[in-house]
Amino acid sequence: MTITTVTMPSKLSSILVLALSLTGANAAACAADNCYNQLARHTPSASAFCATFTTATVTAITALPTYISTSCGTSRVSSACSCLWPRSASTTSTTSAPGTTTVTVTVTATACPTSTNLLKNPAIPGLAPWYNGDIILSTSYGYNNPQIALSAGSPSGGAFLISFPADGQFDFDQRLPFPNKPTKYTMTFWAQSPNPASCWVLPSIGTVGTGLYEGSPFGLSTAWTQYSITYTTNGDTDGFVAIATQCQSGTDNKVYLDQISLVLA
């Protein structure tokens, strides 16, 4: 928040108010990270929440609505609120002496978080540009209608569900360009399964057509858990990320995915 107080001839007060408002409201472009998206998906309730949330100091994450992940924290929520529903500058004027006016300009501007995730639809791997390309697995089979589904405790408030009637496997892929020089990336994601004894995931980063990629299979848990892998490219530019899911035998064969991220390491 910026507060500026000046005393000037009254004829110039409106000009300075406009100049200060334009200078103070130097808001950065909004970055559509996961916290931002959680608020954007819940208009108008989120708008009403933000209208009061940004007027006072809030430090307890328990004050957040249930559709906002507690991992966002109060600072990121405040920043996303200010991006989506910015508060306008307020001005007050008082006459202090004949021919002069004291004008106080208050501008509230919160910089939006910088978005570093290189992937699209990180919380919804069933929508474009995600596709089932079988880059890692030779084929996908046995899955039963992959779908967006609510899952208690998921980081984004909603997750993507792959269910298998019995045995099966499914491959989520996303293509993206890599720099033409060796570059190090870290891929992170959240996953959970009600039947971890029978299900696992294999995240991978690599380049198409070269057979070069990094992938590590992970066993799952009934609790939401974050996983990550790191990979340095070799300069080939046709890049991809993939998450292969597989379940073998058992019942309630389901895998939930959420918050997939690829960033420079």
C-alpha atoms as a PDB file:
ATOM      1  CA  MET A   1       0.000   0.000   0.000  1.00  0.00           C
ATOM      2  CA  THR A   2       1.279   3.462  -0.942  1.00  0.00           C
ATOM      3  CA  ILE A   3       0.041   6.630   0.780  1.00  0.00           C
ATOM      4  CA  THR A   4       0.965  10.001  -0.691  1.00  0.00           C
ATOM      5  CA  THR A   5       0.000  13.333   0.839  1.00  0.00           C
ATOM      6  CA  VAL A   6       0.612  16.636  -0.944  1.00  0.00           C
ATOM      7  CA  THR A   7      -0.554  20.216  -0.573  1.00  0.00           C
ATOM      8  CA  MET A   8      -1.118  22.098  -3.812  1.00  0.00           C
ATOM      9  CA  PRO A   9      -3.288  24.678  -5.523  1.00  0.00           C
ATOM     10  CA  SER A  10      -6.773  23.221  -5.793  1.00  0.00           C
ATOM     11  CA  LYS A  11      -6.825  23.577  -9.595  1.00  0.00           C
ATOM     12  CA  LEU A  12      -3.990  21.042  -9.872  1.00  0.00           C
ATOM     13  CA  SER A  13      -5.319  18.497  -7.405  1.00  0.00           C
ATOM     14  CA  SER A  14      -7.306  16.401  -9.896  1.00  0.00           C
ATOM     15  CA  ILE A  15      -4.304  16.176 -12.259  1.00  0.00           C
ATOM     16  CA  LEU A  16      -1.985  14.910  -9.519  1.00  0.00           C
ATOM     17  CA  VAL A  17      -4.568  12.428  -8.218  1.00  0.00           C
ATOM     18  CA  LEU A  18      -4.769  10.864 -11.684  1.00  0.00           C
ATOM     19  CA  ALA A  19      -0.980  10.732 -12.075  1.00  0.00           C
ATOM     20  CA  LEU A  20      -0.438   9.150  -8.674  1.00  0.00           C
ATOM     21  CA  SER A  21      -3.157   6.589  -9.280  1.00  0.00           C
ATOM     22  CA  LEU A  22      -1.609   5.501 -12.571  1.00  0.00           C
ATOM     23  CA  THR A  23       1.877   5.354 -11.074  1.00  0.00           C
ATOM     24  CA  GLY A  24       0.923   3.556  -7.864  1.00  0.00           C
ATOM     25  CA  ALA A  25      -1.268   0.926  -9.484  1.00  0.00           C
ATOM     26  CA  ASN A  26       1.725  -0.701 -11.089  1.00  0.00           C
ATOM     27  CA  ALA A  27       0.285  -4.198 -10.893  1.00  0.00           C
ATOM     28  CA  ALA A  28       2.120  -7.025 -12.578  1.00  0.00           C
ATOM     29  CA  ALA A  29       0.309  -9.232 -15.085  1.00  0.00           C
ATOM     30  CA  CYS A  30      -1.672 -11.919 -13.341  1.00  0.00           C
ATOM     31  CA  ALA A  31      -0.092 -15.375 -13.425  1.00  0.00           C
ATOM     32  CA  ALA A  32      -2.613 -18.204 -13.631  1.00  0.00           C
ATOM     33  CA  ASP A  33      -1.062 -20.498 -11.028  1.00  0.00           C
ATOM     34  CA  ASN A  34      -3.103 -23.079  -9.126  1.00  0.00           C
ATOM     35  CA  CYS A  35      -4.157 -20.703  -6.340  1.00  0.00           C
ATOM     36  CA  TYR A  36      -5.327 -18.180  -8.916  1.00  0.00           C
ATOM     37  CA  ASN A  37      -7.291 -20.906 -10.767  1.00  0.00           C
ATOM     38  CA  GLN A  38      -8.973 -22.130  -7.589  1.00  0.00           C
ATOM     39  CA  LEU A  39     -10.375 -18.637  -7.004  1.00  0.00           C
ATOM     40  CA  ALA A  40     -11.259 -18.060 -10.659  1.00  0.00           C
ATOM     41  CA  ARG A  41     -13.315 -21.274 -10.771  1.00  0.00           C
ATOM     42  CA  HIS A  42     -15.515 -20.166  -7.844  1.00  0.00           C
ATOM     43  CA  THR A  43     -16.847 -16.786  -8.931  1.00  0.00           C
ATOM     44  CA  PRO A  44     -18.919 -15.102  -7.455  1.00  0.00           C
ATOM     45  CA  SER A  45     -18.303 -16.665  -4.016  1.00  0.00           C
ATOM     46  CA  ALA A  46     -14.562 -16.081  -4.402  1.00  0.00           C
ATOM     47  CA  SER A  47     -15.191 -12.465  -5.358  1.00  0.00           C
ATOM     48  CA  ALA A  48     -17.161 -11.912  -2.154  1.00  0.00           C
ATOM     49  CA  PHE A  49     -14.440 -13.625  -0.129  1.00  0.00           C
ATOM     50  CA  CYS A  50     -11.670 -11.534  -1.717  1.00  0.00           C
ATOM     51  CA  ALA A  51     -13.582  -8.310  -1.118  1.00  0.00           C
ATOM     52  CA  THR A  52     -13.142  -8.806   2.636  1.00  0.00           C
ATOM     53  CA  PHE A  53      -9.923 -10.835   2.620  1.00  0.00           C
ATOM     54  CA  THR A  54      -7.830  -8.011   1.132  1.00  0.00           C
ATOM     55  CA  THR A  55      -9.126  -5.331   3.514  1.00  0.00           C
ATOM     56  CA  ALA A  56      -7.382  -6.625   6.623  1.00  0.00           C
ATOM     57  CA  THR A  57      -4.328  -8.594   7.663  1.00  0.00           C
ATOM     58  CA  VAL A  58      -5.066 -12.330   7.747  1.00  0.00           C
ATOM     59  CA  THR A  59      -2.496 -14.826   9.007  1.00  0.00           C
ATOM     60  CA  ALA A  60      -4.510 -17.988   9.680  1.00  0.00           C
ATOM     61  CA  ILE A  61      -4.945 -20.382   6.753  1.00  0.00           C
ATOM     62  CA  THR A  62      -8.005 -21.781   8.556  1.00  0.00           C
ATOM     63  CA  ALA A  63      -9.824 -18.642   7.403  1.00  0.00           C
ATOM     64  CA  LEU A  64      -9.635 -19.788   3.756  1.00  0.00           C
ATOM     65  CA  PRO A  65     -12.637 -21.312   1.943  1.00  0.00           C
ATOM     66  CA  THR A  66     -12.500 -25.083   1.478  1.00  0.00           C
ATOM     67  CA  TYR A  67     -11.928 -24.787  -2.286  1.00  0.00           C
ATOM     68  CA  ILE A  68      -8.581 -23.002  -1.718  1.00  0.00           C
ATOM     69  CA  SER A  69      -5.628 -25.250  -0.950  1.00  0.00           C
ATOM     70  CA  THR A  70      -3.973 -24.425   2.370  1.00  0.00           C
ATOM     71  CA  SER A  71      -0.610 -24.770   0.599  1.00  0.00           C
ATOM     72  CA  CYS A  72      -1.369 -21.467  -1.145  1.00  0.00           C
ATOM     73  CA  GLY A  73      -0.864 -19.561   2.092  1.00  0.00           C
ATOM     74  CA  THR A  74      -2.322 -16.175   2.848  1.00  0.00           C
ATOM     75  CA  SER A  75       0.169 -14.178   0.761  1.00  0.00           C
ATOM     76  CA  ARG A  76      -0.519 -16.074  -2.476  1.00  0.00           C
ATOM     77  CA  VAL A  77      -4.276 -15.935  -1.902  1.00  0.00           C
ATOM     78  CA  SER A  78      -4.095 -12.190  -1.282  1.00  0.00           C
ATOM     79  CA  SER A  79      -2.027 -11.752  -4.444  1.00  0.00           C
ATOM     80  CA  ALA A  80      -4.460 -13.804  -6.565  1.00  0.00           C
ATOM     81  CA  CYS A  81      -7.426 -11.887  -5.110  1.00  0.00           C
ATOM     82  CA  SER A  82      -5.778  -8.596  -6.028  1.00  0.00           C
ATOM     83  CA  CYS A  83      -5.168  -9.853  -9.559  1.00  0.00           C
ATOM     84  CA  LEU A  84      -8.714 -11.091 -10.135  1.00  0.00           C
ATOM     85  CA  TRP A  85     -10.605  -8.324  -8.342  1.00  0.00           C
ATOM     86  CA  PRO A  86      -8.211  -5.386  -7.832  1.00  0.00           C
ATOM     87  CA  ARG A  87      -9.192  -2.677  -5.408  1.00  0.00           C
ATOM     88  CA  SER A  88      -9.259   0.776  -6.918  1.00  0.00           C
ATOM     89  CA  ALA A  89      -7.316   3.720  -5.565  1.00  0.00           C
ATOM     90  CA  SER A  90      -9.056   5.820  -2.945  1.00  0.00           C
ATOM     91  CA  THR A  91      -8.640   9.568  -2.551  1.00  0.00           C
ATOM     92  CA  THR A  92      -9.617  12.090   0.082  1.00  0.00           C
ATOM     93  CA  SER A  93      -9.441  15.857  -0.104  1.00  0.00           C
ATOM     94  CA  THR A  94      -9.459  18.423   2.683  1.00  0.00           C
ATOM     95  CA  THR A  95      -9.129  22.165   2.338  1.00  0.00           C
ATOM     96  CA  SER A  96      -6.241  23.411   4.481  1.00  0.00           C
ATOM     97  CA  ALA A  97      -5.919  27.046   3.402  1.00  0.00           C
ATOM     98  CA  PRO A  98      -7.527  29.412   0.909  1.00  0.00           C
ATOM     99  CA  GLY A  99      -6.456  28.419  -2.606  1.00  0.00           C
ATOM    100  CA  THR A 100      -4.818  25.095  -1.587  1.00  0.00           C
ATOM    101  CA  THR A 101      -6.102  21.549  -1.105  1.00  0.00           C
ATOM    102  CA  THR A 102      -4.401  18.664   0.692  1.00  0.00           C
ATOM    103  CA  VAL A 103      -4.986  15.477  -1.293  1.00  0.00           C
ATOM    104  CA  THR A 104      -4.209  12.027   0.110  1.00  0.00           C
ATOM    105  CA  VAL A 105      -4.013   9.214  -2.433  1.00  0.00           C
ATOM    106  CA  THR A 106      -4.026   5.624  -1.235  1.00  0.00           C
ATOM    107  CA  VAL A 107      -3.219   2.932  -3.788  1.00  0.00           C
ATOM    108  CA  THR A 108      -3.266  -0.755  -2.952  1.00  0.00           C
ATOM    109  CA  ALA A 109      -1.288  -2.916  -5.374  1.00  0.00           C
ATOM    110  CA  THR A 110      -0.078  -6.455  -4.793  1.00  0.00           C
ATOM    111  CA  ALA A 111       2.322  -8.085  -7.225  1.00  0.00           C
ATOM    112  CA  CYS A 112       1.031 -11.357  -8.643  1.00  0.00           C
ATOM    113  CA  PRO A 113       3.087 -14.512  -8.186  1.00  0.00           C
ATOM    114  CA  THR A 114       5.430 -15.394 -11.000  1.00  0.00           C
ATOM    115  CA  SER A 115       4.210 -18.460 -12.872  1.00  0.00           C
ATOM    116  CA  THR A 116       7.062 -20.899 -13.513  1.00  0.00           C
ATOM    117  CA  ASN A 117       5.113 -24.018 -14.465  1.00  0.00           C
ATOM    118  CA  LEU A 118       5.795 -24.856 -18.121  1.00  0.00           C
ATOM    119  CA  LEU A 119       2.810 -27.201 -18.439  1.00  0.00           C
ATOM    120  CA  LYS A 120      -0.806 -26.460 -19.344  1.00  0.00           C
ATOM    121  CA  ASN A 121      -3.797 -27.723 -17.328  1.00  0.00           C
ATOM    122  CA  PRO A 122      -1.565 -28.902 -14.439  1.00  0.00           C
ATOM    123  CA  ALA A 123      -4.512 -29.937 -12.283  1.00  0.00           C
ATOM    124  CA  ILE A 124      -6.536 -31.547 -15.075  1.00  0.00           C
ATOM    125  CA  PRO A 125      -4.370 -33.972 -17.067  1.00  0.00           C
ATOM    126  CA  GLY A 126      -7.389 -35.194 -19.011  1.00  0.00           C
ATOM    127  CA  LEU A 127      -7.757 -31.975 -21.036  1.00  0.00           C
ATOM    128  CA  ALA A 128      -5.738 -30.670 -23.990  1.00  0.00           C
ATOM    129  CA  PRO A 129      -2.850 -30.394 -24.459  1.00  0.00           C
ATOM    130  CA  TRP A 130      -2.614 -33.609 -22.407  1.00  0.00           C
ATOM    131  CA  TYR A 131      -3.247 -36.670 -24.556  1.00  0.00           C
ATOM    132  CA  ASN A 132      -2.907 -40.454 -24.424  1.00  0.00           C
ATOM    133  CA  GLY A 133       0.164 -40.919 -26.621  1.00  0.00           C
ATOM    134  CA  ASP A 134       1.676 -44.048 -25.069  1.00  0.00           C
ATOM    135  CA  ILE A 135       5.132 -42.464 -25.180  1.00  0.00           C
ATOM    136  CA  ILE A 136       6.320 -44.499 -22.184  1.00  0.00           C
ATOM    137  CA  LEU A 137       3.917 -47.444 -22.226  1.00  0.00           C
ATOM    138  CA  SER A 138       3.580 -49.506 -25.376  1.00  0.00           C
ATOM    139  CA  THR A 139      -0.201 -49.325 -25.089  1.00  0.00           C
ATOM    140  CA  SER A 140      -2.921 -48.156 -22.738  1.00  0.00           C
ATOM    141  CA  TYR A 141      -5.694 -50.596 -21.925  1.00  0.00           C
ATOM    142  CA  GLY A 142      -8.298 -51.548 -19.373  1.00  0.00           C
ATOM    143  CA  TYR A 143      -9.023 -48.059 -18.084  1.00  0.00           C
ATOM    144  CA  ASN A 144     -12.611 -47.144 -17.331  1.00  0.00           C
ATOM    145  CA  ASN A 145     -13.536 -43.600 -18.367  1.00  0.00           C
ATOM    146  CA  PRO A 146     -10.789 -41.340 -16.975  1.00  0.00           C
ATOM    147  CA  GLN A 147     -12.578 -38.387 -15.432  1.00  0.00           C
ATOM    148  CA  ILE A 148     -12.266 -35.274 -13.348  1.00  0.00           C
ATOM    149  CA  ALA A 149     -13.371 -36.141  -9.829  1.00  0.00           C
ATOM    150  CA  LEU A 150     -13.415 -34.661  -6.367  1.00  0.00           C
ATOM    151  CA  SER A 151     -11.044 -36.277  -3.916  1.00  0.00           C
ATOM    152  CA  ALA A 152     -10.814 -35.337  -0.264  1.00  0.00           C
ATOM    153  CA  GLY A 153      -7.630 -33.447   0.494  1.00  0.00           C
ATOM    154  CA  SER A 154      -6.486 -33.018  -3.109  1.00  0.00           C
ATOM    155  CA  PRO A 155      -4.176 -29.987  -3.451  1.00  0.00           C
ATOM    156  CA  SER A 156      -6.376 -28.186  -5.997  1.00  0.00           C
ATOM    157  CA  GLY A 157      -9.750 -29.229  -4.565  1.00  0.00           C
ATOM    158  CA  GLY A 158     -10.415 -31.477  -7.566  1.00  0.00           C
ATOM    159  CA  ALA A 159      -8.302 -34.199  -9.133  1.00  0.00           C
ATOM    160  CA  PHE A 160      -8.128 -36.420 -12.200  1.00  0.00           C
ATOM    161  CA  LEU A 161      -9.170 -40.022 -11.689  1.00  0.00           C
ATOM    162  CA  ILE A 162      -8.109 -43.072 -13.678  1.00  0.00           C
ATOM    163  CA  SER A 163      -9.980 -46.219 -12.684  1.00  0.00           C
ATOM    164  CA  PHE A 164      -9.338 -49.778 -13.838  1.00  0.00           C
ATOM    165  CA  PRO A 165     -11.960 -52.548 -13.652  1.00  0.00           C
ATOM    166  CA  ALA A 166      -9.107 -55.050 -13.173  1.00  0.00           C
ATOM    167  CA  ASP A 167      -5.619 -54.926 -14.674  1.00  0.00           C
ATOM    168  CA  GLY A 168      -4.808 -51.903 -16.785  1.00  0.00           C
ATOM    169  CA  GLN A 169      -2.497 -49.047 -17.604  1.00  0.00           C
ATOM    170  CA  PHE A 170      -2.879 -45.509 -18.928  1.00  0.00           C
ATOM    171  CA  ASP A 171      -0.363 -42.947 -20.181  1.00  0.00           C
ATOM    172  CA  PHE A 172      -0.794 -39.141 -19.839  1.00  0.00           C
ATOM    173  CA  ASP A 173       1.504 -37.187 -22.143  1.00  0.00           C
ATOM    174  CA  GLN A 174       2.179 -33.556 -22.949  1.00  0.00           C
ATOM    175  CA  ARG A 175       4.568 -32.342 -25.673  1.00  0.00           C
ATOM    176  CA  LEU A 176       6.528 -29.106 -25.305  1.00  0.00           C
ATOM    177  CA  PRO A 177       9.644 -27.528 -26.841  1.00  0.00           C
ATOM    178  CA  PHE A 178      12.968 -27.786 -25.029  1.00  0.00           C
ATOM    179  CA  PRO A 179      15.947 -25.446 -25.568  1.00  0.00           C
ATOM    180  CA  ASN A 180      18.582 -26.632 -28.064  1.00  0.00           C
ATOM    181  CA  LYS A 181      21.147 -26.956 -25.294  1.00  0.00           C
ATOM    182  CA  PRO A 182      21.330 -29.204 -22.210  1.00  0.00           C
ATOM    183  CA  THR A 183      18.737 -27.960 -19.718  1.00  0.00           C
ATOM    184  CA  LYS A 184      17.837 -29.328 -16.293  1.00  0.00           C
ATOM    185  CA  TYR A 185      14.157 -29.711 -15.329  1.00  0.00           C
ATOM    186  CA  THR A 186      12.265 -30.906 -12.261  1.00  0.00           C
ATOM    187  CA  MET A 187       8.833 -32.473 -12.572  1.00  0.00           C
ATOM    188  CA  THR A 188       6.579 -32.682  -9.508  1.00  0.00           C
ATOM    189  CA  PHE A 189       3.051 -33.943  -9.021  1.00  0.00           C
ATOM    190  CA  TRP A 190       0.641 -35.214  -6.380  1.00  0.00           C
ATOM    191  CA  ALA A 191      -0.896 -38.692  -6.462  1.00  0.00           C
ATOM    192  CA  GLN A 192      -3.013 -40.973  -4.320  1.00  0.00           C
ATOM    193  CA  SER A 193      -4.684 -44.394  -4.610  1.00  0.00           C
ATOM    194  CA  PRO A 194      -7.229 -46.199  -2.428  1.00  0.00           C
ATOM    195  CA  ASN A 195      -5.469 -49.440  -3.407  1.00  0.00           C
ATOM    196  CA  PRO A 196      -1.725 -48.649  -3.221  1.00  0.00           C
ATOM    197  CA  ALA A 197      -0.741 -52.325  -2.994  1.00  0.00           C
ATOM    198  CA  SER A 198      -1.825 -52.835  -6.611  1.00  0.00           C
ATOM    199  CA  CYS A 199      -1.222 -49.426  -8.267  1.00  0.00           C
ATOM    200  CA  TRP A 200       1.842 -47.341  -9.159  1.00  0.00           C
ATOM    201  CA  VAL A 201       2.856 -44.373 -11.315  1.00  0.00           C
ATOM    202  CA  LEU A 202       5.825 -43.755 -13.615  1.00  0.00           C
ATOM    203  CA  PRO A 203       6.587 -40.060 -14.286  1.00  0.00           C
ATOM    204  CA  SER A 204       8.979 -39.307 -17.153  1.00  0.00           C
ATOM    205  CA  ILE A 205      10.728 -36.355 -18.841  1.00  0.00           C
ATOM    206  CA  GLY A 206      12.469 -36.795 -22.192  1.00  0.00           C
ATOM    207  CA  THR A 207      12.665 -36.125 -25.908  1.00  0.00           C
ATOM    208  CA  VAL A 208      10.483 -37.812 -28.514  1.00  0.00           C
ATOM    209  CA  GLY A 209      12.180 -40.143 -30.983  1.00  0.00           C
ATOM    210  CA  THR A 210      15.540 -40.327 -29.226  1.00  0.00           C
ATOM    211  CA  GLY A 211      14.685 -42.893 -26.590  1.00  0.00           C
ATOM    212  CA  LEU A 212      16.305 -40.622 -24.000  1.00  0.00           C
ATOM    213  CA  TYR A 213      14.256 -39.973 -20.881  1.00  0.00           C
ATOM    214  CA  GLU A 214      14.329 -40.117 -17.101  1.00  0.00           C
ATOM    215  CA  GLY A 215      11.628 -42.101 -15.344  1.00  0.00           C
ATOM    216  CA  SER A 216      11.272 -43.560 -11.861  1.00  0.00           C
ATOM    217  CA  PRO A 217       8.328 -45.735 -10.763  1.00  0.00           C
ATOM    218  CA  PHE A 218       6.710 -44.761  -7.491  1.00  0.00           C
ATOM    219  CA  GLY A 219       4.497 -46.821  -5.223  1.00  0.00           C
ATOM    220  CA  LEU A 220       1.449 -44.912  -4.037  1.00  0.00           C
ATOM    221  CA  SER A 221      -0.212 -44.200  -0.709  1.00  0.00           C
ATOM    222  CA  THR A 222      -3.788 -43.788   0.435  1.00  0.00           C
ATOM    223  CA  ALA A 223      -2.763 -40.265   1.492  1.00  0.00           C
ATOM    224  CA  TRP A 224      -1.997 -37.499  -1.002  1.00  0.00           C
ATOM    225  CA  THR A 225       1.760 -37.516  -1.580  1.00  0.00           C
ATOM    226  CA  GLN A 226       4.022 -35.319  -3.687  1.00  0.00           C
ATOM    227  CA  TYR A 227       6.597 -36.940  -5.983  1.00  0.00           C
ATOM    228  CA  SER A 228       9.357 -35.484  -8.151  1.00  0.00           C
ATOM    229  CA  ILE A 229      12.043 -36.403 -10.688  1.00  0.00           C
ATOM    230  CA  THR A 230      14.846 -34.360 -12.276  1.00  0.00           C
ATOM    231  CA  TYR A 231      16.253 -34.683 -15.789  1.00  0.00           C
ATOM    232  CA  THR A 232      18.835 -32.859 -17.923  1.00  0.00           C
ATOM    233  CA  THR A 233      17.999 -32.759 -21.634  1.00  0.00           C
ATOM    234  CA  ASN A 234      20.643 -33.345 -24.306  1.00  0.00           C
ATOM    235  CA  GLY A 235      19.772 -30.415 -26.591  1.00  0.00           C
ATOM    236  CA  ASP A 236      17.015 -32.126 -28.593  1.00  0.00           C
ATOM    237  CA  THR A 237      14.031 -29.804 -28.788  1.00  0.00           C
ATOM    238  CA  ASP A 238      11.047 -32.179 -29.198  1.00  0.00           C
ATOM    239  CA  GLY A 239      10.332 -32.597 -25.499  1.00  0.00           C
ATOM    240  CA  PHE A 240       7.640 -34.354 -23.514  1.00  0.00           C
ATOM    241  CA  VAL A 241       6.486 -35.171 -20.011  1.00  0.00           C
ATOM    242  CA  ALA A 242       4.439 -38.250 -19.206  1.00  0.00           C
ATOM    243  CA  ILE A 243       2.822 -39.944 -16.238  1.00  0.00           C
ATOM    244  CA  ALA A 244       2.060 -43.609 -16.726  1.00  0.00           C
ATOM    245  CA  THR A 245      -0.423 -45.183 -14.306  1.00  0.00           C
ATOM    246  CA  GLN A 246      -0.923 -48.897 -13.783  1.00  0.00           C
ATOM    247  CA  CYS A 247      -2.924 -51.191 -11.521  1.00  0.00           C
ATOM    248  CA  GLN A 248      -2.690 -54.969 -11.306  1.00  0.00           C
ATOM    249  CA  SER A 249      -5.410 -57.200  -9.863  1.00  0.00           C
ATOM    250  CA  GLY A 250      -7.168 -56.260  -6.668  1.00  0.00           C
ATOM    251  CA  THR A 251     -10.316 -54.180  -6.261  1.00  0.00           C
ATOM    252  CA  ASP A 252     -10.940 -50.440  -6.193  1.00  0.00           C
ATOM    253  CA  ASN A 253      -8.081 -49.927  -8.662  1.00  0.00           C
ATOM    254  CA  LYS A 254      -7.952 -46.140  -8.918  1.00  0.00           C
ATOM    255  CA  VAL A 255      -5.228 -43.526  -9.280  1.00  0.00           C
ATOM    256  CA  TYR A 256      -5.767 -39.816  -8.623  1.00  0.00           C
ATOM    257  CA  LEU A 257      -3.399 -37.186 -10.108  1.00  0.00           C
ATOM    258  CA  ASP A 258      -3.157 -33.483  -9.327  1.00  0.00           C
ATOM    259  CA  GLN A 259      -0.899 -30.425  -9.587  1.00  0.00           C
ATOM    260  CA  ILE A 260       1.589 -31.587 -12.237  1.00  0.00           C
ATOM    261  CA  SER A 261       4.476 -29.151 -12.607  1.00  0.00           C
ATOM    262  CA  LEU A 262       7.587 -28.849 -14.777  1.00  0.00           C
ATOM    263  CA  VAL A 263      10.083 -26.133 -13.833  1.00  0.00           C
ATOM    264  CA  LEU A 264      13.685 -25.287 -14.534  1.00  0.00           C
ATOM    265  CA  ALA A 265      15.819 -26.951 -11.875  1.00  0.00           C
END
